Amino acid sequence: MSSQAFTLALVTGAGLLAAWIIARHAGLGPRSLLWGALNVIVAIVLLRLVPVEFDAIRALHVPALPFVEVFGVALPLLVYGFLSGGWMTRIALGLLRP
């Protein structure tokens, strides 16, 4: 599998996991626009720090380093990024309803 295909599968899986969490746990997540925006900002900041986090993990000399980076750091951050976007979408749709 090429790295592009793996990346596509990882991002698609993260999006599907986030969609499942939003559908399964409808009460989970922020209810106000302020807290929704704060979650989106935190997700953006965390996703921008991924290379810094990978450098910190490489310093630990973990034997299974690529798996730790992908499934221990990147996947949870991607899921949180999609979750925060889904929560913000839910809040925006709730504001549109009369």
PDB file of N, CA and C in Angstrom:
ATOM      1  N   MET A   1       0.853  -1.162   0.000  1.00  0.00           N
ATOM      2  CA  MET A   1       0.000   0.000   0.000  1.00  0.00           C
ATOM      3  C   MET A   1       0.906   1.234   0.000  1.00  0.00           C
ATOM      4  N   SER A   2       0.584   2.162  -0.855  1.00  0.00           N
ATOM      5  CA  SER A   2       1.381   3.386  -0.934  1.00  0.00           C
ATOM      6  C   SER A   2       1.071   4.298   0.252  1.00  0.00           C
ATOM      7  N   SER A   3       1.963   5.242   0.476  1.00  0.00           N
ATOM      8  CA  SER A   3       1.745   6.149   1.604  1.00  0.00           C
ATOM      9  C   SER A   3       0.523   7.034   1.378  1.00  0.00           C
ATOM     10  N   GLN A   4       0.240   7.386   0.116  1.00  0.00           N
ATOM     11  CA  GLN A   4      -0.944   8.199  -0.169  1.00  0.00           C
ATOM     12  C   GLN A   4      -2.225   7.414   0.109  1.00  0.00           C
ATOM     13  N   ALA A   5      -2.246   6.148  -0.260  1.00  0.00           N
ATOM     14  CA  ALA A   5      -3.428   5.320  -0.012  1.00  0.00           C
ATOM     15  C   ALA A   5      -3.626   5.101   1.485  1.00  0.00           C
ATOM     16  N   PHE A   6      -2.524   4.901   2.224  1.00  0.00           N
ATOM     17  CA  PHE A   6      -2.643   4.729   3.670  1.00  0.00           C
ATOM     18  C   PHE A   6      -3.153   6.004   4.331  1.00  0.00           C
ATOM     19  N   THR A   7      -2.645   7.156   3.896  1.00  0.00           N
ATOM     20  CA  THR A   7      -3.101   8.432   4.446  1.00  0.00           C
ATOM     21  C   THR A   7      -4.586   8.634   4.174  1.00  0.00           C
ATOM     22  N   LEU A   8      -5.022   8.336   2.970  1.00  0.00           N
ATOM     23  CA  LEU A   8      -6.439   8.445   2.629  1.00  0.00           C
ATOM     24  C   LEU A   8      -7.283   7.515   3.495  1.00  0.00           C
ATOM     25  N   ALA A   9      -6.809   6.289   3.699  1.00  0.00           N
ATOM     26  CA  ALA A   9      -7.547   5.344   4.544  1.00  0.00           C
ATOM     27  C   ALA A   9      -7.578   5.816   5.991  1.00  0.00           C
ATOM     28  N   LEU A  10      -6.467   6.377   6.481  1.00  0.00           N
ATOM     29  CA  LEU A  10      -6.409   6.864   7.857  1.00  0.00           C
ATOM     30  C   LEU A  10      -7.356   8.035   8.073  1.00  0.00           C
ATOM     31  N   VAL A  11      -7.356   8.988   7.165  1.00  0.00           N
ATOM     32  CA  VAL A  11      -8.228  10.155   7.300  1.00  0.00           C
ATOM     33  C   VAL A  11      -9.693   9.755   7.146  1.00  0.00           C
ATOM     34  N   THR A  12      -9.982   8.865   6.218  1.00  0.00           N
ATOM     35  CA  THR A  12     -11.355   8.383   6.045  1.00  0.00           C
ATOM     36  C   THR A  12     -11.829   7.636   7.290  1.00  0.00           C
ATOM     37  N   GLY A  13     -10.967   6.790   7.836  1.00  0.00           N
ATOM     38  CA  GLY A  13     -11.308   6.075   9.062  1.00  0.00           C
ATOM     39  C   GLY A  13     -11.540   7.016  10.236  1.00  0.00           C
ATOM     40  N   ALA A  14     -10.709   8.056  10.342  1.00  0.00           N
ATOM     41  CA  ALA A  14     -10.887   9.031  11.419  1.00  0.00           C
ATOM     42  C   ALA A  14     -12.216   9.767  11.264  1.00  0.00           C
ATOM     43  N   GLY A  15     -12.559  10.117  10.043  1.00  0.00           N
ATOM     44  CA  GLY A  15     -13.842  10.783   9.790  1.00  0.00           C
ATOM     45  C   GLY A  15     -15.016   9.882  10.115  1.00  0.00           C
ATOM     46  N   LEU A  16     -14.910   8.615   9.766  1.00  0.00           N
ATOM     47  CA  LEU A  16     -15.992   7.667  10.067  1.00  0.00           C
ATOM     48  C   LEU A  16     -16.110   7.420  11.573  1.00  0.00           C
ATOM     49  N   LEU A  17     -14.975   7.338  12.253  1.00  0.00           N
ATOM     50  CA  LEU A  17     -15.016   7.194  13.712  1.00  0.00           C
ATOM     51  C   LEU A  17     -15.683   8.400  14.362  1.00  0.00           C
ATOM     52  N   ALA A  18     -15.344   9.588  13.906  1.00  0.00           N
ATOM     53  CA  ALA A  18     -15.945  10.801  14.456  1.00  0.00           C
ATOM     54  C   ALA A  18     -17.448  10.831  14.172  1.00  0.00           C
ATOM     55  N   ALA A  19     -17.844  10.454  12.960  1.00  0.00           N
ATOM     56  CA  ALA A  19     -19.268  10.433  12.619  1.00  0.00           C
ATOM     57  C   ALA A  19     -20.015   9.421  13.484  1.00  0.00           C
ATOM     58  N   TRP A  20     -19.387   8.279  13.741  1.00  0.00           N
ATOM     59  CA  TRP A  20     -20.021   7.282  14.593  1.00  0.00           C
ATOM     60  C   TRP A  20     -20.175   7.811  16.013  1.00  0.00           C
ATOM     61  N   ILE A  21     -19.143   8.470  16.543  1.00  0.00           N
ATOM     62  CA  ILE A  21     -19.213   9.016  17.901  1.00  0.00           C
ATOM     63  C   ILE A  21     -20.317  10.072  17.996  1.00  0.00           C
ATOM     64  N   ILE A  22     -20.416  10.927  16.988  1.00  0.00           N
ATOM     65  CA  ILE A  22     -21.458  11.964  16.994  1.00  0.00           C
ATOM     66  C   ILE A  22     -22.846  11.339  16.934  1.00  0.00           C
ATOM     67  N   ALA A  23     -23.009  10.304  16.113  1.00  0.00           N
ATOM     68  CA  ALA A  23     -24.320   9.659  15.988  1.00  0.00           C
ATOM     69  C   ALA A  23     -24.660   8.823  17.218  1.00  0.00           C
ATOM     70  N   ARG A  24     -23.679   8.128  17.764  1.00  0.00           N
ATOM     71  CA  ARG A  24     -23.918   7.224  18.890  1.00  0.00           C
ATOM     72  C   ARG A  24     -24.102   7.968  20.203  1.00  0.00           C
ATOM     73  N   HIS A  25     -23.322   9.012  20.401  1.00  0.00           N
ATOM     74  CA  HIS A  25     -23.361   9.770  21.646  1.00  0.00           C
ATOM     75  C   HIS A  25     -23.818  11.194  21.347  1.00  0.00           C
ATOM     76  N   ALA A  26     -25.104  11.337  21.085  1.00  0.00           N
ATOM     77  CA  ALA A  26     -25.656  12.629  20.671  1.00  0.00           C
ATOM     78  C   ALA A  26     -25.556  13.683  21.763  1.00  0.00           C
ATOM     79  N   GLY A  27     -25.519  13.292  23.011  1.00  0.00           N
ATOM     80  CA  GLY A  27     -25.425  14.245  24.103  1.00  0.00           C
ATOM     81  C   GLY A  27     -24.009  14.723  24.375  1.00  0.00           C
ATOM     82  N   LEU A  28     -23.041  14.085  23.739  1.00  0.00           N
ATOM     83  CA  LEU A  28     -21.645  14.441  23.952  1.00  0.00           C
ATOM     84  C   LEU A  28     -21.283  15.677  23.131  1.00  0.00           C
ATOM     85  N   GLY A  29     -20.496  16.543  23.699  1.00  0.00           N
ATOM     86  CA  GLY A  29     -20.021  17.709  22.959  1.00  0.00           C
ATOM     87  C   GLY A  29     -20.592  19.004  23.480  1.00  0.00           C
ATOM     88  N   PRO A  30     -20.052  20.093  22.987  1.00  0.00           N
ATOM     89  CA  PRO A  30     -20.493  21.415  23.453  1.00  0.00           C
ATOM     90  C   PRO A  30     -21.898  21.753  22.951  1.00  0.00           C
ATOM     91  N   ARG A  31     -22.568  22.635  23.692  1.00  0.00           N
ATOM     92  CA  ARG A  31     -23.917  23.056  23.317  1.00  0.00           C
ATOM     93  C   ARG A  31     -23.984  24.517  22.902  1.00  0.00           C
ATOM     94  N   SER A  32     -22.962  25.300  23.197  1.00  0.00           N
ATOM     95  CA  SER A  32     -22.994  26.723  22.839  1.00  0.00           C
ATOM     96  C   SER A  32     -21.979  27.005  21.736  1.00  0.00           C
ATOM     97  N   LEU A  33     -22.200  28.081  21.045  1.00  0.00           N
ATOM     98  CA  LEU A  33     -21.325  28.478  19.954  1.00  0.00           C
ATOM     99  C   LEU A  33     -19.912  28.773  20.453  1.00  0.00           C
ATOM    100  N   LEU A  34     -19.800  29.355  21.622  1.00  0.00           N
ATOM    101  CA  LEU A  34     -18.491  29.691  22.188  1.00  0.00           C
ATOM    102  C   LEU A  34     -17.671  28.437  22.466  1.00  0.00           C
ATOM    103  N   TRP A  35     -18.269  27.455  23.135  1.00  0.00           N
ATOM    104  CA  TRP A  35     -17.549  26.231  23.436  1.00  0.00           C
ATOM    105  C   TRP A  35     -17.264  25.413  22.179  1.00  0.00           C
ATOM    106  N   GLY A  36     -18.148  25.459  21.205  1.00  0.00           N
ATOM    107  CA  GLY A  36     -17.893  24.786  19.935  1.00  0.00           C
ATOM    108  C   GLY A  36     -16.711  25.400  19.205  1.00  0.00           C
ATOM    109  N   ALA A  37     -16.672  26.733  19.173  1.00  0.00           N
ATOM    110  CA  ALA A  37     -15.550  27.413  18.528  1.00  0.00           C
ATOM    111  C   ALA A  37     -14.251  27.150  19.270  1.00  0.00           C
ATOM    112  N   LEU A  38     -14.316  27.079  20.597  1.00  0.00           N
ATOM    113  CA  LEU A  38     -13.118  26.784  21.383  1.00  0.00           C
ATOM    114  C   LEU A  38     -12.586  25.393  21.065  1.00  0.00           C
ATOM    115  N   ASN A  39     -13.484  24.416  20.896  1.00  0.00           N
ATOM    116  CA  ASN A  39     -13.060  23.070  20.519  1.00  0.00           C
ATOM    117  C   ASN A  39     -12.413  23.055  19.144  1.00  0.00           C
ATOM    118  N   VAL A  40     -12.959  23.801  18.208  1.00  0.00           N
ATOM    119  CA  VAL A  40     -12.366  23.868  16.868  1.00  0.00           C
ATOM    120  C   VAL A  40     -10.976  24.492  16.939  1.00  0.00           C
ATOM    121  N   ILE A  41     -10.821  25.552  17.710  1.00  0.00           N
ATOM    122  CA  ILE A  41      -9.515  26.209  17.833  1.00  0.00           C
ATOM    123  C   ILE A  41      -8.491  25.273  18.480  1.00  0.00           C
ATOM    124  N   VAL A  42      -8.900  24.568  19.516  1.00  0.00           N
ATOM    125  CA  VAL A  42      -7.992  23.615  20.170  1.00  0.00           C
ATOM    126  C   VAL A  42      -7.594  22.508  19.198  1.00  0.00           C
ATOM    127  N   ALA A  43      -8.538  22.005  18.413  1.00  0.00           N
ATOM    128  CA  ALA A  43      -8.231  20.958  17.437  1.00  0.00           C
ATOM    129  C   ALA A  43      -7.245  21.467  16.386  1.00  0.00           C
ATOM    130  N   ILE A  44      -7.424  22.688  15.920  1.00  0.00           N
ATOM    131  CA  ILE A  44      -6.512  23.251  14.927  1.00  0.00           C
ATOM    132  C   ILE A  44      -5.118  23.388  15.497  1.00  0.00           C
ATOM    133  N   VAL A  45      -5.018  23.887  16.718  1.00  0.00           N
ATOM    134  CA  VAL A  45      -3.706  24.058  17.352  1.00  0.00           C
ATOM    135  C   VAL A  45      -3.028  22.710  17.545  1.00  0.00           C
ATOM    136  N   LEU A  46      -3.767  21.721  18.035  1.00  0.00           N
ATOM    137  CA  LEU A  46      -3.184  20.398  18.241  1.00  0.00           C
ATOM    138  C   LEU A  46      -2.736  19.765  16.930  1.00  0.00           C
ATOM    139  N   LEU A  47      -3.533  19.903  15.888  1.00  0.00           N
ATOM    140  CA  LEU A  47      -3.146  19.334  14.599  1.00  0.00           C
ATOM    141  C   LEU A  47      -1.935  20.037  14.009  1.00  0.00           C
ATOM    142  N   ARG A  48      -1.771  21.323  14.296  1.00  0.00           N
ATOM    143  CA  ARG A  48      -0.586  22.047  13.831  1.00  0.00           C
ATOM    144  C   ARG A  48       0.663  21.624  14.597  1.00  0.00           C
ATOM    145  N   LEU A  49       0.500  21.089  15.824  1.00  0.00           N
ATOM    146  CA  LEU A  49       1.634  20.672  16.639  1.00  0.00           C
ATOM    147  C   LEU A  49       2.064  19.232  16.400  1.00  0.00           C
ATOM    148  N   VAL A  50       1.441  18.539  15.462  1.00  0.00           N
ATOM    149  CA  VAL A  50       1.768  17.128  15.220  1.00  0.00           C
ATOM    150  C   VAL A  50       3.253  16.920  14.946  1.00  0.00           C
ATOM    151  N   PRO A  51       3.915  17.696  14.089  1.00  0.00           N
ATOM    152  CA  PRO A  51       5.351  17.461  13.892  1.00  0.00           C
ATOM    153  C   PRO A  51       6.168  17.639  15.171  1.00  0.00           C
ATOM    154  N   VAL A  52       5.802  18.567  16.026  1.00  0.00           N
ATOM    155  CA  VAL A  52       6.512  18.766  17.290  1.00  0.00           C
ATOM    156  C   VAL A  52       6.322  17.558  18.192  1.00  0.00           C
ATOM    157  N   GLU A  53       5.108  17.018  18.222  1.00  0.00           N
ATOM    158  CA  GLU A  53       4.840  15.834  19.037  1.00  0.00           C
ATOM    159  C   GLU A  53       5.601  14.629  18.508  1.00  0.00           C
ATOM    160  N   PHE A  54       5.720  14.498  17.191  1.00  0.00           N
ATOM    161  CA  PHE A  54       6.484  13.391  16.621  1.00  0.00           C
ATOM    162  C   PHE A  54       7.951  13.503  17.015  1.00  0.00           C
ATOM    163  N   ASP A  55       8.501  14.708  17.047  1.00  0.00           N
ATOM    164  CA  ASP A  55       9.895  14.888  17.464  1.00  0.00           C
ATOM    165  C   ASP A  55      10.084  14.463  18.914  1.00  0.00           C
ATOM    166  N   ALA A  56       9.105  14.784  19.764  1.00  0.00           N
ATOM    167  CA  ALA A  56       9.194  14.382  21.169  1.00  0.00           C
ATOM    168  C   ALA A  56       9.126  12.863  21.307  1.00  0.00           C
ATOM    169  N   ILE A  57       8.318  12.211  20.493  1.00  0.00           N
ATOM    170  CA  ILE A  57       8.203  10.749  20.550  1.00  0.00           C
ATOM    171  C   ILE A  57       9.484  10.101  20.039  1.00  0.00           C
ATOM    172  N   ARG A  58      10.082  10.656  18.990  1.00  0.00           N
ATOM    173  CA  ARG A  58      11.334  10.104  18.460  1.00  0.00           C
ATOM    174  C   ARG A  58      12.450  10.163  19.492  1.00  0.00           C
ATOM    175  N   ALA A  59      12.419  11.146  20.372  1.00  0.00           N
ATOM    176  CA  ALA A  59      13.440  11.274  21.409  1.00  0.00           C
ATOM    177  C   ALA A  59      13.344  10.154  22.445  1.00  0.00           C
ATOM    178  N   LEU A  60      12.195   9.496  22.532  1.00  0.00           N
ATOM    179  CA  LEU A  60      12.020   8.412  23.501  1.00  0.00           C
ATOM    180  C   LEU A  60      12.616   7.090  23.021  1.00  0.00           C
ATOM    181  N   HIS A  61      12.931   6.971  21.731  1.00  0.00           N
ATOM    182  CA  HIS A  61      13.503   5.754  21.125  1.00  0.00           C
ATOM    183  C   HIS A  61      12.600   4.543  21.331  1.00  0.00           C
ATOM    184  N   VAL A  62      11.346   4.714  20.992  1.00  0.00           N
ATOM    185  CA  VAL A  62      10.369   3.632  21.100  1.00  0.00           C
ATOM    186  C   VAL A  62      10.581   2.671  19.926  1.00  0.00           C
ATOM    187  N   PRO A  63      10.607   1.338  20.173  1.00  0.00           N
ATOM    188  CA  PRO A  63      10.867   0.388  19.096  1.00  0.00           C
ATOM    189  C   PRO A  63       9.831   0.438  17.958  1.00  0.00           C
ATOM    190  N   ALA A  64       8.572   0.547  18.279  1.00  0.00           N
ATOM    191  CA  ALA A  64       7.515   0.543  17.267  1.00  0.00           C
ATOM    192  C   ALA A  64       7.087   1.971  16.966  1.00  0.00           C
ATOM    193  N   LEU A  65       8.059   2.835  16.734  1.00  0.00           N
ATOM    194  CA  LEU A  65       7.813   4.264  16.595  1.00  0.00           C
ATOM    195  C   LEU A  65       6.790   4.638  15.524  1.00  0.00           C
ATOM    196  N   PRO A  66       6.848   4.099  14.325  1.00  0.00           N
ATOM    197  CA  PRO A  66       5.853   4.505  13.324  1.00  0.00           C
ATOM    198  C   PRO A  66       4.419   4.208  13.733  1.00  0.00           C
ATOM    199  N   PHE A  67       4.204   3.093  14.414  1.00  0.00           N
ATOM    200  CA  PHE A  67       2.854   2.749  14.855  1.00  0.00           C
ATOM    201  C   PHE A  67       2.376   3.681  15.963  1.00  0.00           C
ATOM    202  N   VAL A  68       3.287   4.048  16.851  1.00  0.00           N
ATOM    203  CA  VAL A  68       2.940   4.974  17.926  1.00  0.00           C
ATOM    204  C   VAL A  68       2.577   6.336  17.341  1.00  0.00           C
ATOM    205  N   GLU A  69       3.354   6.794  16.369  1.00  0.00           N
ATOM    206  CA  GLU A  69       3.086   8.095  15.748  1.00  0.00           C
ATOM    207  C   GLU A  69       1.744   8.123  15.038  1.00  0.00           C
ATOM    208  N   VAL A  70       1.467   7.071  14.285  1.00  0.00           N
ATOM    209  CA  VAL A  70       0.244   7.060  13.481  1.00  0.00           C
ATOM    210  C   VAL A  70      -0.990   6.784  14.325  1.00  0.00           C
ATOM    211  N   PHE A  71      -0.958   5.707  15.108  1.00  0.00           N
ATOM    212  CA  PHE A  71      -2.165   5.285  15.818  1.00  0.00           C
ATOM    213  C   PHE A  71      -2.275   5.855  17.231  1.00  0.00           C
ATOM    214  N   GLY A  72      -1.184   6.352  17.781  1.00  0.00           N
ATOM    215  CA  GLY A  72      -1.220   6.914  19.114  1.00  0.00           C
ATOM    216  C   GLY A  72      -1.306   8.424  19.144  1.00  0.00           C
ATOM    217  N   VAL A  73      -0.901   9.085  18.045  1.00  0.00           N
ATOM    218  CA  VAL A  73      -0.918  10.543  18.004  1.00  0.00           C
ATOM    219  C   VAL A  73      -1.812  11.055  16.875  1.00  0.00           C
ATOM    220  N   ALA A  74      -1.503  10.651  15.650  1.00  0.00           N
ATOM    221  CA  ALA A  74      -2.205  11.212  14.491  1.00  0.00           C
ATOM    222  C   ALA A  74      -3.685  10.826  14.459  1.00  0.00           C
ATOM    223  N   LEU A  75      -4.000   9.555  14.659  1.00  0.00           N
ATOM    224  CA  LEU A  75      -5.402   9.120  14.581  1.00  0.00           C
ATOM    225  C   LEU A  75      -6.288   9.792  15.636  1.00  0.00           C
ATOM    226  N   PRO A  76      -5.899   9.823  16.908  1.00  0.00           N
ATOM    227  CA  PRO A  76      -6.761  10.516  17.878  1.00  0.00           C
ATOM    228  C   PRO A  76      -6.923  12.006  17.580  1.00  0.00           C
ATOM    229  N   LEU A  77      -5.859  12.653  17.110  1.00  0.00           N
ATOM    230  CA  LEU A  77      -5.977  14.074  16.796  1.00  0.00           C
ATOM    231  C   LEU A  77      -6.874  14.312  15.586  1.00  0.00           C
ATOM    232  N   LEU A  78      -6.794  13.436  14.603  1.00  0.00           N
ATOM    233  CA  LEU A  78      -7.689  13.565  13.447  1.00  0.00           C
ATOM    234  C   LEU A  78      -9.140  13.334  13.854  1.00  0.00           C
ATOM    235  N   VAL A  79      -9.373  12.336  14.691  1.00  0.00           N
ATOM    236  CA  VAL A  79     -10.739  12.076  15.155  1.00  0.00           C
ATOM    237  C   VAL A  79     -11.262  13.290  15.923  1.00  0.00           C
ATOM    238  N   TYR A  80     -10.426  13.871  16.795  1.00  0.00           N
ATOM    239  CA  TYR A  80     -10.861  15.055  17.539  1.00  0.00           C
ATOM    240  C   TYR A  80     -11.122  16.235  16.599  1.00  0.00           C
ATOM    241  N   GLY A  81     -10.306  16.378  15.565  1.00  0.00           N
ATOM    242  CA  GLY A  81     -10.541  17.446  14.596  1.00  0.00           C
ATOM    243  C   GLY A  81     -11.876  17.287  13.890  1.00  0.00           C
ATOM    244  N   PHE A  82     -12.181  16.072  13.459  1.00  0.00           N
ATOM    245  CA  PHE A  82     -13.468  15.819  12.817  1.00  0.00           C
ATOM    246  C   PHE A  82     -14.623  15.962  13.807  1.00  0.00           C
ATOM    247  N   LEU A  83     -14.410  15.504  15.057  1.00  0.00           N
ATOM    248  CA  LEU A  83     -15.447  15.648  16.078  1.00  0.00           C
ATOM    249  C   LEU A  83     -15.773  17.112  16.327  1.00  0.00           C
ATOM    250  N   SER A  84     -14.755  17.936  16.471  1.00  0.00           N
ATOM    251  CA  SER A  84     -15.017  19.353  16.746  1.00  0.00           C
ATOM    252  C   SER A  84     -15.739  20.010  15.580  1.00  0.00           C
ATOM    253  N   GLY A  85     -15.401  19.616  14.362  1.00  0.00           N
ATOM    254  CA  GLY A  85     -16.127  20.139  13.199  1.00  0.00           C
ATOM    255  C   GLY A  85     -17.572  19.670  13.168  1.00  0.00           C
ATOM    256  N   GLY A  86     -17.789  18.410  13.529  1.00  0.00           N
ATOM    257  CA  GLY A  86     -19.157  17.888  13.593  1.00  0.00           C
ATOM    258  C   GLY A  86     -19.973  18.544  14.682  1.00  0.00           C
ATOM    259  N   TRP A  87     -19.346  18.773  15.828  1.00  0.00           N
ATOM    260  CA  TRP A  87     -20.052  19.463  16.906  1.00  0.00           C
ATOM    261  C   TRP A  87     -20.420  20.884  16.502  1.00  0.00           C
ATOM    262  N   MET A  88     -19.502  21.558  15.838  1.00  0.00           N
ATOM    263  CA  MET A  88     -19.775  22.930  15.398  1.00  0.00           C
ATOM    264  C   MET A  88     -20.896  22.932  14.356  1.00  0.00           C
ATOM    265  N   THR A  89     -20.914  21.955  13.480  1.00  0.00           N
ATOM    266  CA  THR A  89     -21.988  21.841  12.496  1.00  0.00           C
ATOM    267  C   THR A  89     -23.330  21.600  13.186  1.00  0.00           C
ATOM    268  N   ARG A  90     -23.334  20.733  14.200  1.00  0.00           N
ATOM    269  CA  ARG A  90     -24.571  20.468  14.948  1.00  0.00           C
ATOM    270  C   ARG A  90     -25.076  21.729  15.641  1.00  0.00           C
ATOM    271  N   ILE A  91     -24.159  22.505  16.216  1.00  0.00           N
ATOM    272  CA  ILE A  91     -24.543  23.751  16.870  1.00  0.00           C
ATOM    273  C   ILE A  91     -25.111  24.735  15.858  1.00  0.00           C
ATOM    274  N   ALA A  92     -24.450  24.856  14.697  1.00  0.00           N
ATOM    275  CA  ALA A  92     -24.923  25.788  13.660  1.00  0.00           C
ATOM    276  C   ALA A  92     -26.293  25.374  13.140  1.00  0.00           C
ATOM    277  N   LEU A  93     -26.510  24.084  12.935  1.00  0.00           N
ATOM    278  CA  LEU A  93     -27.824  23.629  12.482  1.00  0.00           C
ATOM    279  C   LEU A  93     -28.889  23.885  13.544  1.00  0.00           C
ATOM    280  N   GLY A  94     -28.513  23.729  14.803  1.00  0.00           N
ATOM    281  CA  GLY A  94     -29.457  24.009  15.883  1.00  0.00           C
ATOM    282  C   GLY A  94     -29.842  25.480  15.931  1.00  0.00           C
ATOM    283  N   LEU A  95     -28.939  26.358  15.572  1.00  0.00           N
ATOM    284  CA  LEU A  95     -29.244  27.794  15.556  1.00  0.00           C
ATOM    285  C   LEU A  95     -30.141  28.170  14.378  1.00  0.00           C
ATOM    286  N   LEU A  96     -30.121  27.376  13.318  1.00  0.00           N
ATOM    287  CA  LEU A  96     -30.941  27.659  12.150  1.00  0.00           C
ATOM    288  C   LEU A  96     -32.397  27.246  12.346  1.00  0.00           C
ATOM    289  N   ARG A  97     -32.628  26.275  13.212  1.00  0.00           N
ATOM    290  CA  ARG A  97     -33.991  25.791  13.442  1.00  0.00           C
ATOM    291  C   ARG A  97     -34.766  26.805  14.276  1.00  0.00           C
ATOM    292  N   PRO A  98     -36.038  27.020  13.926  1.00  0.00           N
ATOM    293  CA  PRO A  98     -36.848  27.999  14.691  1.00  0.00           C
ATOM    294  C   PRO A  98     -37.246  27.476  16.050  1.00  0.00           C
TER     295      PRO A  98
END
